[in-house]
Amino acid sequence: MRRTKAQSLRYQVEKWIAPTTQVHVTAFGHIRSGGPRYVCVETHQATGLHALFFFQHDDGYWNVYPPAGDQPQ
């Protein structure tokens, strides 16, 4: 599979958080054993601490929502 820039975690972080803002990865792992990966990034803004979770989907793309089968019921 050919990866594109839009698939990357870096691209999604820069899309949701200003690219010049410093971010820190505070958590990462799998939603469940052997399941999709997730990453939590935090940034300090004038308005306070902000955190976003990113989830990797089966197609390799990262999004701010979990894959369909892993969403809360």
PDB file of N, CA and C in Angstrom:
ATOM      1  N   MET A   1       0.854  -1.182   0.000  1.00  0.00           N
ATOM      2  CA  MET A   1       0.000   0.000   0.000  1.00  0.00           C
ATOM      3  C   MET A   1       0.894   1.237   0.000  1.00  0.00           C
ATOM      4  N   ARG A   2       0.571   2.168  -0.827  1.00  0.00           N
ATOM      5  CA  ARG A   2       1.325   3.403  -0.914  1.00  0.00           C
ATOM      6  C   ARG A   2       0.791   4.401   0.097  1.00  0.00           C
ATOM      7  N   ARG A   3       1.661   4.899   0.953  1.00  0.00           N
ATOM      8  CA  ARG A   3       1.229   5.862   1.969  1.00  0.00           C
ATOM      9  C   ARG A   3       1.276   7.269   1.390  1.00  0.00           C
ATOM     10  N   THR A   4       0.274   8.048   1.722  1.00  0.00           N
ATOM     11  CA  THR A   4       0.252   9.439   1.303  1.00  0.00           C
ATOM     12  C   THR A   4       0.416  10.316   2.524  1.00  0.00           C
ATOM     13  N   LYS A   5       0.745  11.561   2.298  1.00  0.00           N
ATOM     14  CA  LYS A   5       0.940  12.508   3.394  1.00  0.00           C
ATOM     15  C   LYS A   5      -0.312  12.598   4.265  1.00  0.00           C
ATOM     16  N   ALA A   6      -1.492  12.573   3.664  1.00  0.00           N
ATOM     17  CA  ALA A   6      -2.738  12.712   4.410  1.00  0.00           C
ATOM     18  C   ALA A   6      -2.979  11.535   5.352  1.00  0.00           C
ATOM     19  N   GLN A   7      -2.305  10.422   5.140  1.00  0.00           N
ATOM     20  CA  GLN A   7      -2.468   9.255   6.002  1.00  0.00           C
ATOM     21  C   GLN A   7      -1.665   9.383   7.282  1.00  0.00           C
ATOM     22  N   SER A   8      -0.654  10.203   7.296  1.00  0.00           N
ATOM     23  CA  SER A   8       0.286  10.211   8.404  1.00  0.00           C
ATOM     24  C   SER A   8      -0.286  10.842   9.669  1.00  0.00           C
ATOM     25  N   LEU A   9       0.203  10.381  10.777  1.00  0.00           N
ATOM     26  CA  LEU A   9      -0.192  10.948  12.062  1.00  0.00           C
ATOM     27  C   LEU A   9       0.262  12.403  12.150  1.00  0.00           C
ATOM     28  N   ARG A  10       1.447  12.680  11.686  1.00  0.00           N
ATOM     29  CA  ARG A  10       1.966  14.058  11.713  1.00  0.00           C
ATOM     30  C   ARG A  10       1.028  15.011  10.972  1.00  0.00           C
ATOM     31  N   TYR A  11       0.569  14.609   9.797  1.00  0.00           N
ATOM     32  CA  TYR A  11      -0.341  15.445   9.014  1.00  0.00           C
ATOM     33  C   TYR A  11      -1.616  15.733   9.807  1.00  0.00           C
ATOM     34  N   GLN A  12      -2.190  14.707  10.426  1.00  0.00           N
ATOM     35  CA  GLN A  12      -3.430  14.889  11.180  1.00  0.00           C
ATOM     36  C   GLN A  12      -3.222  15.782  12.401  1.00  0.00           C
ATOM     37  N   VAL A  13      -2.100  15.607  13.099  1.00  0.00           N
ATOM     38  CA  VAL A  13      -1.813  16.464  14.252  1.00  0.00           C
ATOM     39  C   VAL A  13      -1.703  17.914  13.797  1.00  0.00           C
ATOM     40  N   GLU A  14      -0.980  18.159  12.712  1.00  0.00           N
ATOM     41  CA  GLU A  14      -0.833  19.525  12.206  1.00  0.00           C
ATOM     42  C   GLU A  14      -2.150  20.082  11.682  1.00  0.00           C
ATOM     43  N   LYS A  15      -3.012  19.224  11.182  1.00  0.00           N
ATOM     44  CA  LYS A  15      -4.325  19.656  10.692  1.00  0.00           C
ATOM     45  C   LYS A  15      -5.202  20.131  11.854  1.00  0.00           C
ATOM     46  N   TRP A  16      -5.177  19.408  12.968  1.00  0.00           N
ATOM     47  CA  TRP A  16      -6.041  19.714  14.107  1.00  0.00           C
ATOM     48  C   TRP A  16      -5.415  20.694  15.085  1.00  0.00           C
ATOM     49  N   ILE A  17      -4.094  20.744  15.120  1.00  0.00           N
ATOM     50  CA  ILE A  17      -3.367  21.641  16.019  1.00  0.00           C
ATOM     51  C   ILE A  17      -2.401  22.432  15.148  1.00  0.00           C
ATOM     52  N   ALA A  18      -2.278  23.725  15.382  1.00  0.00           N
ATOM     53  CA  ALA A  18      -1.408  24.572  14.557  1.00  0.00           C
ATOM     54  C   ALA A  18      -0.029  23.938  14.405  1.00  0.00           C
ATOM     55  N   PRO A  19       0.504  23.906  13.176  1.00  0.00           N
ATOM     56  CA  PRO A  19       1.766  23.211  12.928  1.00  0.00           C
ATOM     57  C   PRO A  19       2.955  23.782  13.701  1.00  0.00           C
ATOM     58  N   THR A  20       2.878  25.028  14.152  1.00  0.00           N
ATOM     59  CA  THR A  20       3.991  25.618  14.896  1.00  0.00           C
ATOM     60  C   THR A  20       3.860  25.404  16.398  1.00  0.00           C
ATOM     61  N   THR A  21       2.771  24.778  16.833  1.00  0.00           N
ATOM     62  CA  THR A  21       2.540  24.533  18.252  1.00  0.00           C
ATOM     63  C   THR A  21       3.284  23.276  18.688  1.00  0.00           C
ATOM     64  N   GLN A  22       3.921  23.364  19.835  1.00  0.00           N
ATOM     65  CA  GLN A  22       4.643  22.201  20.364  1.00  0.00           C
ATOM     66  C   GLN A  22       3.648  21.226  20.978  1.00  0.00           C
ATOM     67  N   VAL A  23       3.753  19.957  20.607  1.00  0.00           N
ATOM     68  CA  VAL A  23       2.865  18.920  21.141  1.00  0.00           C
ATOM     69  C   VAL A  23       3.701  17.839  21.806  1.00  0.00           C
ATOM     70  N   HIS A  24       3.067  17.132  22.730  1.00  0.00           N
ATOM     71  CA  HIS A  24       3.717  16.032  23.434  1.00  0.00           C
ATOM     72  C   HIS A  24       2.830  14.803  23.352  1.00  0.00           C
ATOM     73  N   VAL A  25       3.410  13.677  23.004  1.00  0.00           N
ATOM     74  CA  VAL A  25       2.679  12.412  23.042  1.00  0.00           C
ATOM     75  C   VAL A  25       2.615  11.993  24.505  1.00  0.00           C
ATOM     76  N   THR A  26       1.392  11.813  25.023  1.00  0.00           N
ATOM     77  CA  THR A  26       1.231  11.472  26.434  1.00  0.00           C
ATOM     78  C   THR A  26       0.742  10.046  26.646  1.00  0.00           C
ATOM     79  N   ALA A  27       0.202   9.428  25.611  1.00  0.00           N
ATOM     80  CA  ALA A  27      -0.266   8.042  25.714  1.00  0.00           C
ATOM     81  C   ALA A  27      -0.306   7.438  24.315  1.00  0.00           C
ATOM     82  N   PHE A  28      -0.063   6.142  24.248  1.00  0.00           N
ATOM     83  CA  PHE A  28      -0.189   5.423  22.982  1.00  0.00           C
ATOM     84  C   PHE A  28      -0.349   3.950  23.296  1.00  0.00           C
ATOM     85  N   GLY A  29      -0.884   3.232  22.356  1.00  0.00           N
ATOM     86  CA  GLY A  29      -1.082   1.802  22.542  1.00  0.00           C
ATOM     87  C   GLY A  29      -2.130   1.285  21.580  1.00  0.00           C
ATOM     88  N   HIS A  30      -2.796   0.212  21.986  1.00  0.00           N
ATOM     89  CA  HIS A  30      -3.853  -0.402  21.190  1.00  0.00           C
ATOM     90  C   HIS A  30      -5.173  -0.260  21.934  1.00  0.00           C
ATOM     91  N   ILE A  31      -6.256  -0.043  21.189  1.00  0.00           N
ATOM     92  CA  ILE A  31      -7.583   0.088  21.794  1.00  0.00           C
ATOM     93  C   ILE A  31      -7.895  -1.158  22.607  1.00  0.00           C
ATOM     94  N   ARG A  32      -7.576  -2.307  22.053  1.00  0.00           N
ATOM     95  CA  ARG A  32      -7.709  -3.593  22.749  1.00  0.00           C
ATOM     96  C   ARG A  32      -6.550  -4.451  22.268  1.00  0.00           C
ATOM     97  N   SER A  33      -6.298  -5.543  22.890  1.00  0.00           N
ATOM     98  CA  SER A  33      -5.170  -6.386  22.526  1.00  0.00           C
ATOM     99  C   SER A  33      -5.226  -6.750  21.043  1.00  0.00           C
ATOM    100  N   GLY A  34      -4.201  -6.365  20.318  1.00  0.00           N
ATOM    101  CA  GLY A  34      -4.130  -6.659  18.890  1.00  0.00           C
ATOM    102  C   GLY A  34      -5.021  -5.771  18.029  1.00  0.00           C
ATOM    103  N   GLY A  35      -5.719  -4.843  18.647  1.00  0.00           N
ATOM    104  CA  GLY A  35      -6.631  -3.967  17.912  1.00  0.00           C
ATOM    105  C   GLY A  35      -5.933  -2.744  17.351  1.00  0.00           C
ATOM    106  N   PRO A  36      -6.716  -1.798  16.853  1.00  0.00           N
ATOM    107  CA  PRO A  36      -6.165  -0.584  16.262  1.00  0.00           C
ATOM    108  C   PRO A  36      -5.347   0.231  17.265  1.00  0.00           C
ATOM    109  N   ARG A  37      -4.391   0.971  16.738  1.00  0.00           N
ATOM    110  CA  ARG A  37      -3.531   1.799  17.583  1.00  0.00           C
ATOM    111  C   ARG A  37      -4.178   3.153  17.840  1.00  0.00           C
ATOM    112  N   TYR A  38      -3.776   3.749  18.959  1.00  0.00           N
ATOM    113  CA  TYR A  38      -4.191   5.116  19.277  1.00  0.00           C
ATOM    114  C   TYR A  38      -2.993   5.886  19.821  1.00  0.00           C
ATOM    115  N   VAL A  39      -3.067   7.211  19.708  1.00  0.00           N
ATOM    116  CA  VAL A  39      -2.054   8.108  20.244  1.00  0.00           C
ATOM    117  C   VAL A  39      -2.784   9.306  20.827  1.00  0.00           C
ATOM    118  N   CYS A  40      -2.367   9.734  22.022  1.00  0.00           N
ATOM    119  CA  CYS A  40      -2.914  10.955  22.627  1.00  0.00           C
ATOM    120  C   CYS A  40      -1.810  12.003  22.604  1.00  0.00           C
ATOM    121  N   VAL A  41      -2.120  13.185  22.087  1.00  0.00           N
ATOM    122  CA  VAL A  41      -1.168  14.294  22.083  1.00  0.00           C
ATOM    123  C   VAL A  41      -1.762  15.447  22.880  1.00  0.00           C
ATOM    124  N   GLU A  42      -0.900  16.160  23.594  1.00  0.00           N
ATOM    125  CA  GLU A  42      -1.323  17.316  24.385  1.00  0.00           C
ATOM    126  C   GLU A  42      -0.519  18.534  23.967  1.00  0.00           C
ATOM    127  N   THR A  43      -1.147  19.677  24.124  1.00  0.00           N
ATOM    128  CA  THR A  43      -0.486  20.947  23.870  1.00  0.00           C
ATOM    129  C   THR A  43      -0.970  21.956  24.902  1.00  0.00           C
ATOM    130  N   HIS A  44      -0.087  22.869  25.259  1.00  0.00           N
ATOM    131  CA  HIS A  44      -0.446  23.942  26.182  1.00  0.00           C
ATOM    132  C   HIS A  44      -0.708  25.192  25.365  1.00  0.00           C
ATOM    133  N   GLN A  45      -1.903  25.735  25.500  1.00  0.00           N
ATOM    134  CA  GLN A  45      -2.302  26.951  24.804  1.00  0.00           C
ATOM    135  C   GLN A  45      -2.572  28.032  25.851  1.00  0.00           C
ATOM    136  N   ALA A  46      -2.790  29.244  25.422  1.00  0.00           N
ATOM    137  CA  ALA A  46      -3.145  30.328  26.340  1.00  0.00           C
ATOM    138  C   ALA A  46      -4.451  30.013  27.067  1.00  0.00           C
ATOM    139  N   THR A  47      -5.302  29.230  26.428  1.00  0.00           N
ATOM    140  CA  THR A  47      -6.598  28.873  27.016  1.00  0.00           C
ATOM    141  C   THR A  47      -6.525  27.635  27.896  1.00  0.00           C
ATOM    142  N   GLY A  48      -5.351  27.038  28.021  1.00  0.00           N
ATOM    143  CA  GLY A  48      -5.189  25.872  28.879  1.00  0.00           C
ATOM    144  C   GLY A  48      -4.616  24.672  28.147  1.00  0.00           C
ATOM    145  N   LEU A  49      -4.679  23.539  28.804  1.00  0.00           N
ATOM    146  CA  LEU A  49      -4.173  22.283  28.257  1.00  0.00           C
ATOM    147  C   LEU A  49      -5.217  21.666  27.336  1.00  0.00           C
ATOM    148  N   HIS A  50      -4.789  21.229  26.164  1.00  0.00           N
ATOM    149  CA  HIS A  50      -5.682  20.580  25.205  1.00  0.00           C
ATOM    150  C   HIS A  50      -5.100  19.222  24.842  1.00  0.00           C
ATOM    151  N   ALA A  51      -5.967  18.223  24.725  1.00  0.00           N
ATOM    152  CA  ALA A  51      -5.531  16.878  24.353  1.00  0.00           C
ATOM    153  C   ALA A  51      -6.439  16.344  23.249  1.00  0.00           C
ATOM    154  N   LEU A  52      -5.848  15.620  22.332  1.00  0.00           N
ATOM    155  CA  LEU A  52      -6.591  14.966  21.251  1.00  0.00           C
ATOM    156  C   LEU A  52      -6.111  13.524  21.130  1.00  0.00           C
ATOM    157  N   PHE A  53      -7.058  12.634  20.879  1.00  0.00           N
ATOM    158  CA  PHE A  53      -6.733  11.240  20.598  1.00  0.00           C
ATOM    159  C   PHE A  53      -6.836  11.022  19.094  1.00  0.00           C
ATOM    160  N   PHE A  54      -5.893  10.281  18.547  1.00  0.00           N
ATOM    161  CA  PHE A  54      -5.902   9.898  17.143  1.00  0.00           C
ATOM    162  C   PHE A  54      -5.912   8.376  17.078  1.00  0.00           C
ATOM    163  N   PHE A  55      -6.677   7.831  16.122  1.00  0.00           N
ATOM    164  CA  PHE A  55      -6.840   6.389  15.982  1.00  0.00           C
ATOM    165  C   PHE A  55      -6.442   5.974  14.571  1.00  0.00           C
ATOM    166  N   GLN A  56      -5.707   4.874  14.465  1.00  0.00           N
ATOM    167  CA  GLN A  56      -5.323   4.375  13.147  1.00  0.00           C
ATOM    168  C   GLN A  56      -6.365   3.380  12.660  1.00  0.00           C
ATOM    169  N   HIS A  57      -6.844   3.604  11.448  1.00  0.00           N
ATOM    170  CA  HIS A  57      -7.854   2.742  10.847  1.00  0.00           C
ATOM    171  C   HIS A  57      -7.191   1.639  10.025  1.00  0.00           C
ATOM    172  N   ASP A  58      -7.969   0.656   9.622  1.00  0.00           N
ATOM    173  CA  ASP A  58      -7.453  -0.493   8.869  1.00  0.00           C
ATOM    174  C   ASP A  58      -6.750  -0.090   7.580  1.00  0.00           C
ATOM    175  N   ASP A  59      -7.155   1.027   6.987  1.00  0.00           N
ATOM    176  CA  ASP A  59      -6.537   1.467   5.732  1.00  0.00           C
ATOM    177  C   ASP A  59      -5.237   2.240   5.963  1.00  0.00           C
ATOM    178  N   GLY A  60      -4.829   2.382   7.232  1.00  0.00           N
ATOM    179  CA  GLY A  60      -3.591   3.074   7.551  1.00  0.00           C
ATOM    180  C   GLY A  60      -3.763   4.534   7.885  1.00  0.00           C
ATOM    181  N   TYR A  61      -4.935   5.095   7.598  1.00  0.00           N
ATOM    182  CA  TYR A  61      -5.188   6.501   7.883  1.00  0.00           C
ATOM    183  C   TYR A  61      -5.383   6.725   9.378  1.00  0.00           C
ATOM    184  N   TRP A  62      -4.973   7.887   9.860  1.00  0.00           N
ATOM    185  CA  TRP A  62      -5.195   8.293  11.251  1.00  0.00           C
ATOM    186  C   TRP A  62      -6.351   9.283  11.272  1.00  0.00           C
ATOM    187  N   ASN A  63      -7.237   9.153  12.261  1.00  0.00           N
ATOM    188  CA  ASN A  63      -8.390  10.043  12.409  1.00  0.00           C
ATOM    189  C   ASN A  63      -8.617  10.346  13.879  1.00  0.00           C
ATOM    190  N   VAL A  64      -9.458  11.337  14.161  1.00  0.00           N
ATOM    191  CA  VAL A  64      -9.785  11.690  15.542  1.00  0.00           C
ATOM    192  C   VAL A  64     -10.959  10.881  16.069  1.00  0.00           C
ATOM    193  N   TYR A  65     -11.460   9.958  15.296  1.00  0.00           N
ATOM    194  CA  TYR A  65     -12.533   9.063  15.748  1.00  0.00           C
ATOM    195  C   TYR A  65     -12.056   7.618  15.564  1.00  0.00           C
ATOM    196  N   PRO A  66     -12.468   6.728  16.462  1.00  0.00           N
ATOM    197  CA  PRO A  66     -12.011   5.331  16.364  1.00  0.00           C
ATOM    198  C   PRO A  66     -12.651   4.609  15.180  1.00  0.00           C
ATOM    199  N   PRO A  67     -12.050   3.509  14.739  1.00  0.00           N
ATOM    200  CA  PRO A  67     -12.653   2.704  13.675  1.00  0.00           C
ATOM    201  C   PRO A  67     -14.065   2.266  14.077  1.00  0.00           C
ATOM    202  N   ALA A  68     -14.920   2.068  13.091  1.00  0.00           N
ATOM    203  CA  ALA A  68     -16.347   1.774  13.332  1.00  0.00           C
ATOM    204  C   ALA A  68     -16.575   0.634  14.322  1.00  0.00           C
ATOM    205  N   GLY A  69     -15.850  -0.453  14.222  1.00  0.00           N
ATOM    206  CA  GLY A  69     -16.053  -1.583  15.114  1.00  0.00           C
ATOM    207  C   GLY A  69     -15.552  -1.366  16.526  1.00  0.00           C
ATOM    208  N   ASP A  70     -14.809  -0.270  16.749  1.00  0.00           N
ATOM    209  CA  ASP A  70     -14.217  -0.013  18.068  1.00  0.00           C
ATOM    210  C   ASP A  70     -14.823   1.201  18.756  1.00  0.00           C
ATOM    211  N   GLN A  71     -15.931   1.719  18.237  1.00  0.00           N
ATOM    212  CA  GLN A  71     -16.588   2.854  18.869  1.00  0.00           C
ATOM    213  C   GLN A  71     -17.470   2.380  20.014  1.00  0.00           C
ATOM    214  N   PRO A  72     -17.639   3.223  21.045  1.00  0.00           N
ATOM    215  CA  PRO A  72     -18.514   2.853  22.151  1.00  0.00           C
ATOM    216  C   PRO A  72     -19.940   2.608  21.684  1.00  0.00           C
ATOM    217  N   GLN A  73     -20.618   1.679  22.316  1.00  0.00           N
ATOM    218  CA  GLN A  73     -22.008   1.356  21.962  1.00  0.00           C
ATOM    219  C   GLN A  73     -22.969   2.227  22.732  1.00  0.00           C
TER     220      GLN A  73
END
